[in-house]
Amino acid sequence: MTRSLLTIISLFLMSTSAAFADSLDGDWCNPIDGKLTVDGSTIITPGGKSVTGNYGRHRFDYTAPDGDWQAGQSIVIQQFSEQLMELSVGGQPGQKWRPCQVVS
């Protein structure tokens, strides 16, 4: 391969990997629904319950427990960048969430 082709491939790979943040872990806020915290396979829901779910670096899903926010519903969280994730309830369109404390 030529040096210019290797450079183009390297730039492409860097730009695609930068689309995702390091991981979904951390505190996320939404002005309507409040705050949630993801820590590996555990989430503290907006209702304050600690729940174990299915964790991936950029995706998390769980079923909201009885007596909690969105009880009985399937919750899916998908991270798009360091500054944006969407949370969908019961297959409905997702709501945007942002990190609670923005670090620049």
N, C-alpha and C. Protein backbone atom coordinates (compact mmCIF):
# COMPACT_ATOMS: atom_id res chain seq x y z
N MET A 1 0.84 -1.18 0.00
CA MET A 1 0.00 0.00 0.00
C MET A 1 0.88 1.24 0.00
N THR A 2 0.35 2.25 -0.60
CA THR A 2 1.10 3.50 -0.62
C THR A 2 0.88 4.24 0.70
N ARG A 3 1.80 5.14 0.98
CA ARG A 3 1.72 5.92 2.21
C ARG A 3 0.42 6.74 2.26
N SER A 4 -0.01 7.33 1.14
CA SER A 4 -1.22 8.16 1.15
C SER A 4 -2.47 7.31 1.41
N LEU A 5 -2.52 6.09 0.88
CA LEU A 5 -3.65 5.21 1.14
C LEU A 5 -3.70 4.82 2.62
N LEU A 6 -2.56 4.53 3.21
CA LEU A 6 -2.51 4.22 4.64
C LEU A 6 -2.96 5.40 5.48
N THR A 7 -2.58 6.59 5.09
CA THR A 7 -3.00 7.80 5.80
C THR A 7 -4.51 7.97 5.73
N ILE A 8 -5.08 7.77 4.55
CA ILE A 8 -6.54 7.90 4.39
C ILE A 8 -7.26 6.87 5.24
N ILE A 9 -6.80 5.63 5.23
CA ILE A 9 -7.43 4.58 6.03
C ILE A 9 -7.32 4.91 7.52
N SER A 10 -6.18 5.39 7.96
CA SER A 10 -5.99 5.76 9.38
C SER A 10 -6.93 6.88 9.78
N LEU A 11 -7.07 7.89 8.96
CA LEU A 11 -7.97 9.01 9.26
C LEU A 11 -9.41 8.54 9.33
N PHE A 12 -9.80 7.66 8.42
CA PHE A 12 -11.15 7.12 8.43
C PHE A 12 -11.42 6.37 9.73
N LEU A 13 -10.52 5.48 10.12
CA LEU A 13 -10.70 4.71 11.34
C LEU A 13 -10.76 5.60 12.57
N MET A 14 -9.96 6.63 12.63
CA MET A 14 -10.00 7.55 13.77
C MET A 14 -11.32 8.30 13.81
N SER A 15 -11.84 8.72 12.67
CA SER A 15 -13.08 9.49 12.66
C SER A 15 -14.26 8.62 13.03
N THR A 16 -14.29 7.35 12.62
CA THR A 16 -15.42 6.49 12.98
C THR A 16 -15.37 6.08 14.44
N SER A 17 -14.21 5.84 15.00
CA SER A 17 -14.14 5.45 16.40
C SER A 17 -14.43 6.63 17.33
N ALA A 18 -14.22 7.83 16.90
CA ALA A 18 -14.50 9.01 17.72
C ALA A 18 -15.98 9.30 17.83
N ALA A 19 -16.81 8.64 17.02
CA ALA A 19 -18.25 8.88 17.06
C ALA A 19 -18.86 8.43 18.37
N PHE A 20 -18.27 7.44 19.03
CA PHE A 20 -18.77 6.97 20.29
C PHE A 20 -17.87 7.43 21.42
N ALA A 21 -18.48 7.69 22.54
CA ALA A 21 -17.72 8.05 23.73
C ALA A 21 -17.06 6.79 24.28
N ASP A 22 -16.25 6.97 25.28
CA ASP A 22 -15.55 5.85 25.87
C ASP A 22 -16.53 4.80 26.39
N SER A 23 -17.56 5.21 27.12
CA SER A 23 -18.58 4.29 27.60
C SER A 23 -19.79 5.07 28.10
N LEU A 24 -20.86 4.35 28.32
CA LEU A 24 -22.12 4.92 28.79
C LEU A 24 -22.10 5.23 30.28
N ASP A 25 -21.12 4.69 31.00
CA ASP A 25 -21.07 4.87 32.45
C ASP A 25 -21.06 6.34 32.84
N GLY A 26 -21.79 6.64 33.92
CA GLY A 26 -21.80 8.00 34.46
C GLY A 26 -23.20 8.49 34.75
N ASP A 27 -23.29 9.77 35.09
CA ASP A 27 -24.56 10.42 35.42
C ASP A 27 -25.12 11.12 34.19
N TRP A 28 -26.39 10.85 33.88
CA TRP A 28 -27.07 11.44 32.73
C TRP A 28 -28.32 12.16 33.22
N CYS A 29 -28.59 13.35 32.64
CA CYS A 29 -29.72 14.16 33.07
C CYS A 29 -30.63 14.52 31.90
N ASN A 30 -31.90 14.69 32.25
CA ASN A 30 -32.93 15.11 31.31
C ASN A 30 -33.82 16.08 32.08
N PRO A 31 -34.15 17.25 31.51
CA PRO A 31 -34.91 18.25 32.28
C PRO A 31 -36.30 17.78 32.69
N ILE A 32 -36.86 16.80 32.01
CA ILE A 32 -38.20 16.31 32.34
C ILE A 32 -38.15 15.15 33.32
N ASP A 33 -37.28 14.19 33.06
CA ASP A 33 -37.27 12.94 33.83
C ASP A 33 -36.24 12.88 34.94
N GLY A 34 -35.32 13.82 35.00
CA GLY A 34 -34.37 13.86 36.11
C GLY A 34 -33.01 13.30 35.78
N LYS A 35 -32.54 12.40 36.64
CA LYS A 35 -31.16 11.89 36.57
C LYS A 35 -31.16 10.37 36.66
N LEU A 36 -30.21 9.75 35.97
CA LEU A 36 -29.94 8.33 36.13
C LEU A 36 -28.44 8.13 36.12
N THR A 37 -28.00 7.03 36.69
CA THR A 37 -26.57 6.73 36.76
C THR A 37 -26.34 5.31 36.28
N VAL A 38 -25.43 5.16 35.32
CA VAL A 38 -25.04 3.84 34.82
C VAL A 38 -23.64 3.54 35.37
N ASP A 39 -23.51 2.36 35.97
CA ASP A 39 -22.22 1.90 36.48
C ASP A 39 -22.09 0.42 36.14
N GLY A 40 -21.55 0.15 34.95
CA GLY A 40 -21.48 -1.23 34.48
C GLY A 40 -22.88 -1.78 34.28
N SER A 41 -23.17 -2.95 34.84
CA SER A 41 -24.48 -3.56 34.65
C SER A 41 -25.53 -3.09 35.65
N THR A 42 -25.19 -2.06 36.44
CA THR A 42 -26.13 -1.51 37.41
C THR A 42 -26.53 -0.10 37.01
N ILE A 43 -27.81 0.20 37.17
CA ILE A 43 -28.31 1.55 36.90
C ILE A 43 -29.08 2.02 38.14
N ILE A 44 -28.92 3.30 38.45
CA ILE A 44 -29.80 3.95 39.43
C ILE A 44 -30.81 4.68 38.57
N THR A 45 -32.05 4.25 38.62
CA THR A 45 -33.09 4.78 37.74
C THR A 45 -33.48 6.21 38.13
N PRO A 46 -34.21 6.91 37.27
CA PRO A 46 -34.70 8.24 37.65
C PRO A 46 -35.58 8.20 38.90
N GLY A 47 -36.17 7.03 39.19
CA GLY A 47 -36.97 6.87 40.40
C GLY A 47 -36.15 6.51 41.63
N GLY A 48 -34.82 6.34 41.47
CA GLY A 48 -33.94 6.09 42.59
C GLY A 48 -33.67 4.63 42.92
N LYS A 49 -34.20 3.70 42.12
CA LYS A 49 -33.98 2.27 42.37
C LYS A 49 -32.68 1.80 41.72
N SER A 50 -32.00 0.87 42.37
CA SER A 50 -30.82 0.23 41.81
C SER A 50 -31.29 -1.04 41.10
N VAL A 51 -30.98 -1.14 39.80
CA VAL A 51 -31.45 -2.25 38.97
C VAL A 51 -30.28 -2.80 38.17
N THR A 52 -30.24 -4.12 38.01
CA THR A 52 -29.25 -4.75 37.14
C THR A 52 -29.86 -4.92 35.76
N GLY A 53 -29.07 -4.59 34.74
CA GLY A 53 -29.56 -4.69 33.37
C GLY A 53 -28.52 -5.28 32.45
N ASN A 54 -28.80 -5.20 31.17
CA ASN A 54 -27.89 -5.70 30.13
C ASN A 54 -27.03 -4.55 29.66
N TYR A 55 -25.74 -4.61 29.97
CA TYR A 55 -24.81 -3.52 29.72
C TYR A 55 -23.92 -3.80 28.51
N GLY A 56 -23.80 -2.80 27.66
CA GLY A 56 -22.80 -2.75 26.61
C GLY A 56 -22.15 -1.38 26.71
N ARG A 57 -21.00 -1.19 26.15
CA ARG A 57 -20.32 0.10 26.32
C ARG A 57 -21.15 1.29 25.91
N HIS A 58 -22.03 1.11 24.92
CA HIS A 58 -22.83 2.23 24.41
C HIS A 58 -24.33 1.94 24.41
N ARG A 59 -24.73 0.85 25.08
CA ARG A 59 -26.14 0.48 25.13
C ARG A 59 -26.42 -0.20 26.46
N PHE A 60 -27.62 0.06 26.99
CA PHE A 60 -28.05 -0.53 28.24
C PHE A 60 -29.55 -0.77 28.13
N ASP A 61 -30.03 -1.92 28.58
CA ASP A 61 -31.47 -2.12 28.63
C ASP A 61 -31.85 -2.87 29.90
N TYR A 62 -33.06 -2.58 30.36
CA TYR A 62 -33.57 -3.22 31.57
C TYR A 62 -35.09 -3.08 31.59
N THR A 63 -35.72 -3.80 32.49
CA THR A 63 -37.16 -3.65 32.71
C THR A 63 -37.33 -2.90 34.02
N ALA A 64 -38.08 -1.80 33.97
CA ALA A 64 -38.28 -0.97 35.16
C ALA A 64 -39.05 -1.77 36.22
N PRO A 65 -38.55 -1.79 37.46
CA PRO A 65 -39.20 -2.59 38.52
C PRO A 65 -40.52 -1.97 38.99
N ASP A 66 -41.32 -2.81 39.64
CA ASP A 66 -42.58 -2.33 40.22
C ASP A 66 -42.31 -1.17 41.17
N GLY A 67 -43.20 -0.21 41.17
CA GLY A 67 -43.08 0.93 42.07
C GLY A 67 -42.05 1.96 41.66
N ASP A 68 -41.45 1.81 40.48
CA ASP A 68 -40.41 2.73 40.03
C ASP A 68 -40.90 3.53 38.83
N TRP A 69 -40.11 4.47 38.43
CA TRP A 69 -40.34 5.27 37.23
C TRP A 69 -40.53 4.33 36.04
N GLN A 70 -41.64 4.47 35.31
CA GLN A 70 -41.97 3.66 34.12
C GLN A 70 -42.09 2.17 34.47
N ALA A 71 -42.63 1.85 35.62
CA ALA A 71 -42.74 0.47 36.12
C ALA A 71 -43.26 -0.50 35.06
N GLY A 72 -42.57 -1.64 34.94
CA GLY A 72 -42.96 -2.70 34.02
C GLY A 72 -42.57 -2.49 32.57
N GLN A 73 -42.08 -1.32 32.23
CA GLN A 73 -41.71 -1.00 30.86
C GLN A 73 -40.29 -1.44 30.53
N SER A 74 -40.07 -1.77 29.27
CA SER A 74 -38.73 -2.05 28.77
C SER A 74 -38.04 -0.72 28.48
N ILE A 75 -36.88 -0.51 29.06
CA ILE A 75 -36.12 0.73 28.89
C ILE A 75 -34.86 0.40 28.09
N VAL A 76 -34.62 1.18 27.03
CA VAL A 76 -33.41 1.00 26.23
C VAL A 76 -32.68 2.33 26.16
N ILE A 77 -31.39 2.30 26.49
CA ILE A 77 -30.54 3.48 26.45
C ILE A 77 -29.47 3.25 25.38
N GLN A 78 -29.33 4.21 24.49
CA GLN A 78 -28.32 4.12 23.43
C GLN A 78 -27.49 5.40 23.45
N GLN A 79 -26.19 5.26 23.62
CA GLN A 79 -25.29 6.41 23.63
C GLN A 79 -24.80 6.69 22.22
N PHE A 80 -24.83 7.97 21.83
CA PHE A 80 -24.38 8.38 20.50
C PHE A 80 -23.07 9.14 20.52
N SER A 81 -22.78 9.80 21.64
CA SER A 81 -21.53 10.54 21.78
C SER A 81 -21.28 10.78 23.26
N GLU A 82 -20.18 11.44 23.58
CA GLU A 82 -19.91 11.77 24.98
C GLU A 82 -20.96 12.69 25.56
N GLN A 83 -21.66 13.43 24.70
CA GLN A 83 -22.60 14.44 25.15
C GLN A 83 -24.06 14.10 24.87
N LEU A 84 -24.35 12.89 24.36
CA LEU A 84 -25.73 12.58 23.99
C LEU A 84 -26.03 11.09 24.08
N MET A 85 -27.15 10.78 24.73
CA MET A 85 -27.71 9.44 24.69
C MET A 85 -29.22 9.60 24.59
N GLU A 86 -29.87 8.54 24.11
CA GLU A 86 -31.33 8.51 24.04
C GLU A 86 -31.85 7.38 24.90
N LEU A 87 -32.95 7.66 25.58
CA LEU A 87 -33.61 6.67 26.40
C LEU A 87 -35.01 6.48 25.84
N SER A 88 -35.34 5.25 25.47
CA SER A 88 -36.69 4.98 24.96
C SER A 88 -37.40 4.04 25.93
N VAL A 89 -38.70 4.27 26.06
CA VAL A 89 -39.54 3.51 26.98
C VAL A 89 -40.56 2.73 26.16
N GLY A 90 -40.57 1.42 26.33
CA GLY A 90 -41.57 0.60 25.67
C GLY A 90 -41.58 0.71 24.16
N GLY A 91 -40.42 0.90 23.56
CA GLY A 91 -40.33 0.98 22.11
C GLY A 91 -40.74 2.32 21.51
N GLN A 92 -41.06 3.29 22.34
CA GLN A 92 -41.43 4.62 21.85
C GLN A 92 -40.18 5.38 21.42
N PRO A 93 -40.35 6.47 20.66
CA PRO A 93 -39.18 7.28 20.28
C PRO A 93 -38.42 7.74 21.53
N GLY A 94 -37.10 7.78 21.41
CA GLY A 94 -36.25 8.11 22.55
C GLY A 94 -36.23 9.58 22.90
N GLN A 95 -35.95 9.84 24.18
CA GLN A 95 -35.76 11.19 24.69
C GLN A 95 -34.26 11.43 24.86
N LYS A 96 -33.82 12.62 24.54
CA LYS A 96 -32.40 12.97 24.65
C LYS A 96 -32.01 13.22 26.10
N TRP A 97 -30.86 12.69 26.47
CA TRP A 97 -30.27 12.89 27.79
C TRP A 97 -28.83 13.37 27.58
N ARG A 98 -28.36 14.18 28.48
CA ARG A 98 -27.01 14.73 28.42
C ARG A 98 -26.27 14.43 29.73
N PRO A 99 -24.94 14.46 29.70
CA PRO A 99 -24.21 14.28 30.97
C PRO A 99 -24.64 15.35 31.97
N CYS A 100 -24.77 14.98 33.23
CA CYS A 100 -25.19 15.94 34.24
C CYS A 100 -24.15 17.02 34.47
N GLN A 101 -22.88 16.64 34.44
CA GLN A 101 -21.81 17.60 34.62
C GLN A 101 -20.94 17.56 33.38
N VAL A 102 -20.97 18.61 32.59
CA VAL A 102 -20.21 18.66 31.37
C VAL A 102 -18.76 19.00 31.69
N VAL A 103 -17.85 18.16 31.20
CA VAL A 103 -16.42 18.39 31.39
C VAL A 103 -15.83 18.77 30.04
N SER A 104 -15.19 19.92 29.98
CA SER A 104 -14.63 20.35 28.70
C SER A 104 -13.16 20.10 28.60
